[in-house]
Amino acid sequence: MHKISRHGIAGFIIRMTVTKTPPATTGITPVRSRALQPAAHLDTWVERPWTDGVQVDSLRDLDVLFVRTMNTVYHITVITARTGEAIVRGGKYFPEPTRAVILGSSLGGAFLKLRGIYCGFALEVYAIGTRIVTSSVQSVHFVEEREQVRVQ
């Protein structure tokens, strides 16, 4: 697993980081018995500010993200931001760079924040002919390559 420090991962500089906020401010609380999480209610979902993450479709093509979940760090290179197409590497499903589509964030139920990657939510990705759901996102790091070549 890659470690992410203030200085980033070798070859990258962290431009901005979004981290998981305490449950009281996100509206997400641990599941107690069989009760639904407050964020799983449509009213809470619609009124949520969505400030602790990123919309992939608002990024630029070839932007790079490191997404830390409870279990893995994913290296995501956005290929086509508008459609969510990306190259994903990390974890047991993506040991090698793999072409994928970022579907969005969810709590594993019926609601999906399309093309969003948000702290406290699972990331859903379509790749290898199937939908893959990660563990809960802990942080999203926007990075710049140190030796990025600019095409003019």
Protein backbone atom coordinates (compact mmCIF):
# COMPACT_ATOMS: atom_id res chain seq x y z
CA MET A 1 0.00 0.00 0.00
CA HIS A 2 1.25 3.50 -0.84
CA LYS A 3 1.74 5.96 1.98
CA ILE A 4 0.56 9.50 1.37
CA SER A 5 2.44 12.25 3.15
CA ARG A 6 2.32 16.04 3.00
CA HIS A 7 4.81 15.83 0.15
CA GLY A 8 2.82 13.21 -1.78
CA ILE A 9 3.87 9.99 -3.42
CA ALA A 10 7.12 9.79 -5.38
CA GLY A 11 6.72 11.81 -8.57
CA PHE A 12 3.63 13.67 -7.37
CA ILE A 13 2.89 16.84 -5.39
CA ILE A 14 -0.35 17.03 -3.40
CA ARG A 15 -2.37 19.99 -4.72
CA MET A 16 -5.41 19.64 -2.44
CA THR A 17 -6.74 17.08 0.03
CA VAL A 18 -10.29 16.37 1.14
CA THR A 19 -10.58 14.20 4.23
CA LYS A 20 -13.39 12.50 6.04
CA THR A 21 -15.15 14.84 8.46
CA PRO A 22 -16.62 13.75 11.80
CA PRO A 23 -19.97 11.95 11.46
CA ALA A 24 -21.88 14.79 13.15
CA THR A 25 -21.08 17.18 10.29
CA THR A 26 -21.67 14.71 7.44
CA GLY A 27 -24.99 13.41 8.72
CA ILE A 28 -23.60 9.87 8.66
CA THR A 29 -23.72 7.87 11.85
CA PRO A 30 -22.81 4.25 12.52
CA VAL A 31 -25.58 1.76 11.84
CA ARG A 32 -27.34 0.72 15.03
CA SER A 33 -29.13 -2.60 14.83
CA ARG A 34 -31.15 -2.63 11.60
CA ALA A 35 -31.90 1.11 11.43
CA LEU A 36 -31.01 2.99 8.23
CA GLN A 37 -28.19 5.52 8.32
CA PRO A 38 -29.58 9.08 8.25
CA ALA A 39 -27.72 9.71 4.96
CA ALA A 40 -29.68 6.82 3.43
CA HIS A 41 -32.90 8.86 3.66
CA LEU A 42 -33.73 10.76 0.48
CA ASP A 43 -34.27 14.10 2.28
CA THR A 44 -30.81 13.94 3.89
CA TRP A 45 -29.23 12.87 0.60
CA VAL A 46 -30.78 15.74 -1.39
CA GLU A 47 -29.97 18.41 1.24
CA ARG A 48 -26.38 17.21 1.84
CA PRO A 49 -23.81 19.93 0.96
CA TRP A 50 -21.43 17.48 -0.88
CA THR A 51 -18.31 19.45 0.05
CA ASP A 52 -16.08 16.60 1.25
CA GLY A 53 -15.14 15.13 -2.10
CA VAL A 54 -15.05 15.76 -5.82
CA GLN A 55 -17.23 15.43 -8.89
CA VAL A 56 -15.14 13.65 -11.51
CA ASP A 57 -17.14 15.30 -14.31
CA SER A 58 -16.00 18.73 -13.03
CA LEU A 59 -12.29 17.81 -13.30
CA ARG A 60 -10.03 18.13 -16.32
CA ASP A 61 -9.05 15.24 -18.55
CA LEU A 62 -5.78 13.67 -17.30
CA ASP A 63 -6.20 14.98 -13.73
CA VAL A 64 -4.76 12.56 -11.15
CA LEU A 65 -6.35 11.56 -7.83
CA PHE A 66 -5.27 9.32 -4.98
CA VAL A 67 -8.31 7.99 -3.15
CA ARG A 68 -7.72 6.39 0.24
CA THR A 69 -10.42 3.98 1.40
CA MET A 70 -10.49 1.99 4.63
CA ASN A 71 -8.51 -0.79 2.92
CA THR A 72 -6.67 0.59 -0.12
CA VAL A 73 -5.15 3.61 -1.84
CA TYR A 74 -6.35 3.94 -5.45
CA HIS A 75 -4.39 5.88 -8.07
CA ILE A 76 -6.94 7.28 -10.51
CA THR A 77 -6.06 9.07 -13.75
CA VAL A 78 -9.12 10.70 -15.28
CA ILE A 79 -9.18 10.01 -19.02
CA THR A 80 -12.49 11.66 -19.96
CA ALA A 81 -13.90 13.69 -17.06
CA ARG A 82 -17.31 14.24 -18.68
CA THR A 83 -18.03 10.50 -18.85
CA GLY A 84 -16.05 9.34 -15.81
CA GLU A 85 -13.64 7.20 -17.85
CA ALA A 86 -10.42 6.60 -15.94
CA ILE A 87 -7.41 4.38 -15.42
CA VAL A 88 -7.52 2.89 -11.89
CA ARG A 89 -4.74 1.09 -10.02
CA GLY A 90 -4.71 -0.26 -6.47
CA GLY A 91 -6.15 -2.98 -4.28
CA LYS A 92 -6.97 -6.55 -5.20
CA TYR A 93 -9.23 -5.61 -8.12
CA PHE A 94 -6.76 -3.24 -9.79
CA PRO A 95 -3.22 -4.59 -9.24
CA GLU A 96 -2.33 -3.23 -12.70
CA PRO A 97 -3.62 -0.01 -14.33
CA THR A 98 -7.12 -0.87 -15.52
CA ARG A 99 -9.52 1.05 -17.74
CA ALA A 100 -12.72 1.79 -15.78
CA VAL A 101 -15.68 4.13 -15.40
CA ILE A 102 -16.21 6.01 -12.13
CA LEU A 103 -19.90 5.41 -11.44
CA GLY A 104 -20.11 7.45 -8.23
CA SER A 105 -20.49 7.30 -4.46
CA SER A 106 -23.06 5.36 -2.47
CA LEU A 107 -23.85 3.77 0.85
CA GLY A 108 -24.34 0.48 -0.95
CA GLY A 109 -28.06 1.07 -1.45
CA ALA A 110 -30.34 2.63 -4.03
CA PHE A 111 -28.82 6.15 -4.05
CA LEU A 112 -25.76 6.93 -6.17
CA LYS A 113 -24.09 10.35 -6.37
CA LEU A 114 -23.21 10.09 -10.06
CA ARG A 115 -19.50 10.49 -10.85
CA GLY A 116 -18.82 11.69 -7.30
CA ILE A 117 -16.06 10.55 -4.94
CA TYR A 118 -16.99 11.56 -1.38
CA CYS A 119 -15.55 10.81 2.04
CA GLY A 120 -17.65 8.43 4.13
CA PHE A 121 -19.20 6.79 1.06
CA ALA A 122 -18.20 3.73 -0.96
CA LEU A 123 -16.77 4.39 -4.42
CA GLU A 124 -18.49 2.45 -7.19
CA VAL A 125 -16.47 1.66 -10.31
CA TYR A 126 -17.38 -0.32 -13.44
CA ALA A 127 -14.44 -2.34 -14.72
CA ILE A 128 -13.55 -5.84 -15.85
CA GLY A 129 -17.20 -6.36 -16.84
CA THR A 130 -18.59 -5.80 -13.34
CA ARG A 131 -19.50 -3.17 -10.75
CA ILE A 132 -16.88 -2.93 -7.99
CA VAL A 133 -17.75 -1.29 -4.66
CA THR A 134 -14.86 -0.14 -2.46
CA SER A 135 -14.78 0.28 1.30
CA SER A 136 -15.56 3.73 2.71
CA VAL A 137 -13.53 6.62 1.24
CA GLN A 138 -11.35 8.29 3.88
CA SER A 139 -9.64 10.99 1.80
CA VAL A 140 -9.27 12.28 -1.75
CA HIS A 141 -5.92 13.78 -2.81
CA PHE A 142 -5.66 15.90 -5.97
CA VAL A 143 -2.12 15.72 -7.30
CA GLU A 144 0.18 17.22 -9.89
CA GLU A 145 3.03 15.33 -11.49
CA ARG A 146 6.37 16.98 -10.73
CA GLU A 147 7.59 16.65 -14.26
CA GLN A 148 4.30 17.10 -16.05
CA VAL A 149 4.74 17.88 -19.74
CA ARG A 150 2.33 20.52 -21.01
CA VAL A 151 1.14 20.04 -24.58
CA GLN A 152 0.53 23.33 -26.37
